[in-house]
Amino acid sequence: MTLKILIKKFFREDAGAITVEVMAMGGVLVVFGVFAVAGIVDGVEELEEERGYRLEAQDKISTF
């Protein structure tokens, strides 16, 4: 058997396992993203409390 045939055979037999691994890695990335956003929000809230900053929504000005 040539190397090309062996590689094709490997990818045909392993396709399902690759899907599971990619899904698991995607899940881990989502969890890390949630923790990162939570940390940023917590940091902004602490900064607001420490320095007395007040974060407010800006009023939309319509020029129509």
N, C-alpha and C. Protein backbone atom coordinates (compact mmCIF):
# COMPACT_ATOMS: atom_id res chain seq x y z
N MET A 1 0.84 -1.18 0.00
CA MET A 1 0.00 0.00 0.00
C MET A 1 0.89 1.25 0.00
N THR A 2 0.43 2.21 -0.72
CA THR A 2 1.20 3.44 -0.76
C THR A 2 0.80 4.33 0.42
N LEU A 3 1.60 5.31 0.65
CA LEU A 3 1.36 6.24 1.76
C LEU A 3 0.06 7.01 1.54
N LYS A 4 -0.22 7.38 0.31
CA LYS A 4 -1.43 8.13 0.00
C LYS A 4 -2.68 7.32 0.36
N ILE A 5 -2.68 6.05 0.06
CA ILE A 5 -3.82 5.19 0.38
C ILE A 5 -3.95 5.04 1.89
N LEU A 6 -2.84 4.90 2.59
CA LEU A 6 -2.88 4.78 4.04
C LEU A 6 -3.44 6.04 4.70
N ILE A 7 -3.07 7.20 4.20
CA ILE A 7 -3.56 8.45 4.76
C ILE A 7 -5.06 8.59 4.52
N LYS A 8 -5.50 8.26 3.31
CA LYS A 8 -6.93 8.32 3.00
C LYS A 8 -7.72 7.37 3.91
N LYS A 9 -7.20 6.18 4.11
CA LYS A 9 -7.86 5.19 4.97
C LYS A 9 -7.93 5.70 6.41
N PHE A 10 -6.86 6.32 6.88
CA PHE A 10 -6.83 6.84 8.25
C PHE A 10 -7.91 7.91 8.44
N PHE A 11 -8.03 8.84 7.51
CA PHE A 11 -9.02 9.91 7.64
C PHE A 11 -10.45 9.37 7.51
N ARG A 12 -10.66 8.35 6.71
CA ARG A 12 -12.00 7.76 6.61
C ARG A 12 -12.41 7.10 7.92
N GLU A 13 -11.50 6.42 8.57
CA GLU A 13 -11.81 5.69 9.79
C GLU A 13 -11.87 6.60 11.02
N ASP A 14 -11.21 7.73 11.00
CA ASP A 14 -11.08 8.58 12.17
C ASP A 14 -11.98 9.81 12.15
N ALA A 15 -12.84 9.95 11.18
CA ALA A 15 -13.65 11.16 11.04
C ALA A 15 -14.55 11.41 12.25
N GLY A 16 -15.16 10.40 12.80
CA GLY A 16 -16.04 10.56 13.94
C GLY A 16 -15.30 11.03 15.18
N ALA A 17 -14.11 10.51 15.42
CA ALA A 17 -13.33 10.89 16.60
C ALA A 17 -12.90 12.35 16.50
N ILE A 18 -12.60 12.81 15.33
CA ILE A 18 -12.18 14.20 15.16
C ILE A 18 -13.34 15.13 15.50
N THR A 19 -14.54 14.77 15.11
CA THR A 19 -15.72 15.59 15.40
C THR A 19 -15.92 15.73 16.90
N VAL A 20 -15.77 14.65 17.64
CA VAL A 20 -15.93 14.69 19.09
C VAL A 20 -14.88 15.59 19.72
N GLU A 21 -13.66 15.49 19.27
CA GLU A 21 -12.59 16.31 19.83
C GLU A 21 -12.82 17.79 19.54
N VAL A 22 -13.25 18.11 18.34
CA VAL A 22 -13.50 19.50 17.98
C VAL A 22 -14.65 20.06 18.82
N MET A 23 -15.68 19.29 19.04
CA MET A 23 -16.80 19.74 19.86
C MET A 23 -16.35 19.97 21.31
N ALA A 24 -15.52 19.10 21.84
CA ALA A 24 -15.03 19.26 23.20
C ALA A 24 -14.17 20.52 23.31
N MET A 25 -13.30 20.74 22.34
CA MET A 25 -12.46 21.94 22.36
C MET A 25 -13.31 23.19 22.22
N GLY A 26 -14.35 23.16 21.41
CA GLY A 26 -15.26 24.29 21.26
C GLY A 26 -15.96 24.59 22.57
N GLY A 27 -16.39 23.57 23.27
CA GLY A 27 -17.03 23.75 24.57
C GLY A 27 -16.10 24.39 25.59
N VAL A 28 -14.86 23.95 25.59
CA VAL A 28 -13.87 24.54 26.50
C VAL A 28 -13.65 26.01 26.17
N LEU A 29 -13.58 26.35 24.91
CA LEU A 29 -13.40 27.75 24.52
C LEU A 29 -14.58 28.61 24.95
N VAL A 30 -15.79 28.07 24.84
CA VAL A 30 -16.97 28.82 25.27
C VAL A 30 -16.92 29.07 26.78
N VAL A 31 -16.55 28.06 27.54
CA VAL A 31 -16.45 28.21 29.00
C VAL A 31 -15.40 29.25 29.35
N PHE A 32 -14.25 29.20 28.72
CA PHE A 32 -13.21 30.21 28.98
C PHE A 32 -13.71 31.61 28.62
N GLY A 33 -14.45 31.72 27.54
CA GLY A 33 -15.01 33.02 27.14
C GLY A 33 -15.97 33.56 28.18
N VAL A 34 -16.81 32.69 28.72
CA VAL A 34 -17.76 33.12 29.75
C VAL A 34 -17.01 33.61 30.99
N PHE A 35 -15.99 32.87 31.40
CA PHE A 35 -15.21 33.29 32.57
C PHE A 35 -14.47 34.60 32.30
N ALA A 36 -13.98 34.79 31.10
CA ALA A 36 -13.26 36.03 30.77
C ALA A 36 -14.21 37.22 30.82
N VAL A 37 -15.39 37.08 30.26
CA VAL A 37 -16.36 38.18 30.28
C VAL A 37 -16.80 38.47 31.71
N ALA A 38 -17.01 37.42 32.50
CA ALA A 38 -17.40 37.62 33.90
C ALA A 38 -16.29 38.35 34.67
N GLY A 39 -15.04 38.01 34.40
CA GLY A 39 -13.93 38.69 35.06
C GLY A 39 -13.82 40.15 34.66
N ILE A 40 -14.05 40.44 33.40
CA ILE A 40 -14.00 41.83 32.93
C ILE A 40 -15.12 42.64 33.56
N VAL A 41 -16.32 42.09 33.59
CA VAL A 41 -17.45 42.80 34.20
C VAL A 41 -17.19 43.04 35.67
N ASP A 42 -16.67 42.04 36.37
CA ASP A 42 -16.36 42.19 37.78
C ASP A 42 -15.29 43.27 38.00
N GLY A 43 -14.29 43.29 37.14
CA GLY A 43 -13.24 44.30 37.25
C GLY A 43 -13.76 45.70 37.01
N VAL A 44 -14.65 45.86 36.07
CA VAL A 44 -15.23 47.17 35.78
C VAL A 44 -16.09 47.63 36.97
N GLU A 45 -16.84 46.71 37.55
CA GLU A 45 -17.65 47.07 38.71
C GLU A 45 -16.78 47.49 39.89
N GLU A 46 -15.68 46.79 40.12
CA GLU A 46 -14.77 47.16 41.20
C GLU A 46 -14.13 48.52 40.94
N LEU A 47 -13.76 48.79 39.71
CA LEU A 47 -13.18 50.07 39.35
C LEU A 47 -14.18 51.19 39.59
N GLU A 48 -15.43 50.93 39.26
CA GLU A 48 -16.48 51.92 39.47
C GLU A 48 -16.63 52.22 40.96
N GLU A 49 -16.59 51.19 41.79
CA GLU A 49 -16.75 51.38 43.23
C GLU A 49 -15.53 52.09 43.84
N GLU A 50 -14.34 51.70 43.44
CA GLU A 50 -13.12 52.25 44.01
C GLU A 50 -12.94 53.73 43.68
N ARG A 51 -13.17 54.08 42.46
CA ARG A 51 -12.86 55.44 42.02
C ARG A 51 -14.09 56.34 41.91
N GLY A 52 -15.23 55.81 42.20
CA GLY A 52 -16.44 56.61 42.16
C GLY A 52 -16.92 56.92 40.76
N TYR A 53 -16.49 56.12 39.79
CA TYR A 53 -16.96 56.34 38.43
C TYR A 53 -18.42 55.91 38.34
N ARG A 54 -19.12 56.58 37.51
CA ARG A 54 -20.51 56.19 37.29
C ARG A 54 -20.70 55.94 35.80
N LEU A 55 -21.08 54.73 35.49
CA LEU A 55 -21.29 54.37 34.10
C LEU A 55 -22.76 54.51 33.79
N GLU A 56 -23.06 55.33 32.83
CA GLU A 56 -24.45 55.56 32.45
C GLU A 56 -24.60 55.41 30.94
N ALA A 57 -25.76 55.03 30.54
CA ALA A 57 -26.05 54.94 29.12
C ALA A 57 -26.17 56.33 28.54
N GLN A 58 -25.66 56.54 27.37
CA GLN A 58 -25.74 57.85 26.73
C GLN A 58 -27.12 58.00 26.09
N ASP A 59 -27.64 59.20 26.17
CA ASP A 59 -28.91 59.48 25.50
C ASP A 59 -28.68 59.54 24.00
N LYS A 60 -29.61 58.95 23.27
CA LYS A 60 -29.51 59.00 21.82
C LYS A 60 -30.09 60.33 21.35
N ILE A 61 -29.37 60.99 20.49
CA ILE A 61 -29.81 62.25 19.94
C ILE A 61 -30.28 62.01 18.51
N SER A 62 -31.49 62.31 18.25
CA SER A 62 -32.04 62.10 16.92
C SER A 62 -32.01 63.43 16.17
N THR A 63 -31.47 63.42 14.97
CA THR A 63 -31.39 64.65 14.17
C THR A 63 -32.38 64.62 13.02
N PHE A 64 -33.35 63.74 13.06
CA PHE A 64 -34.30 63.65 11.97
C PHE A 64 -35.40 64.64 12.14
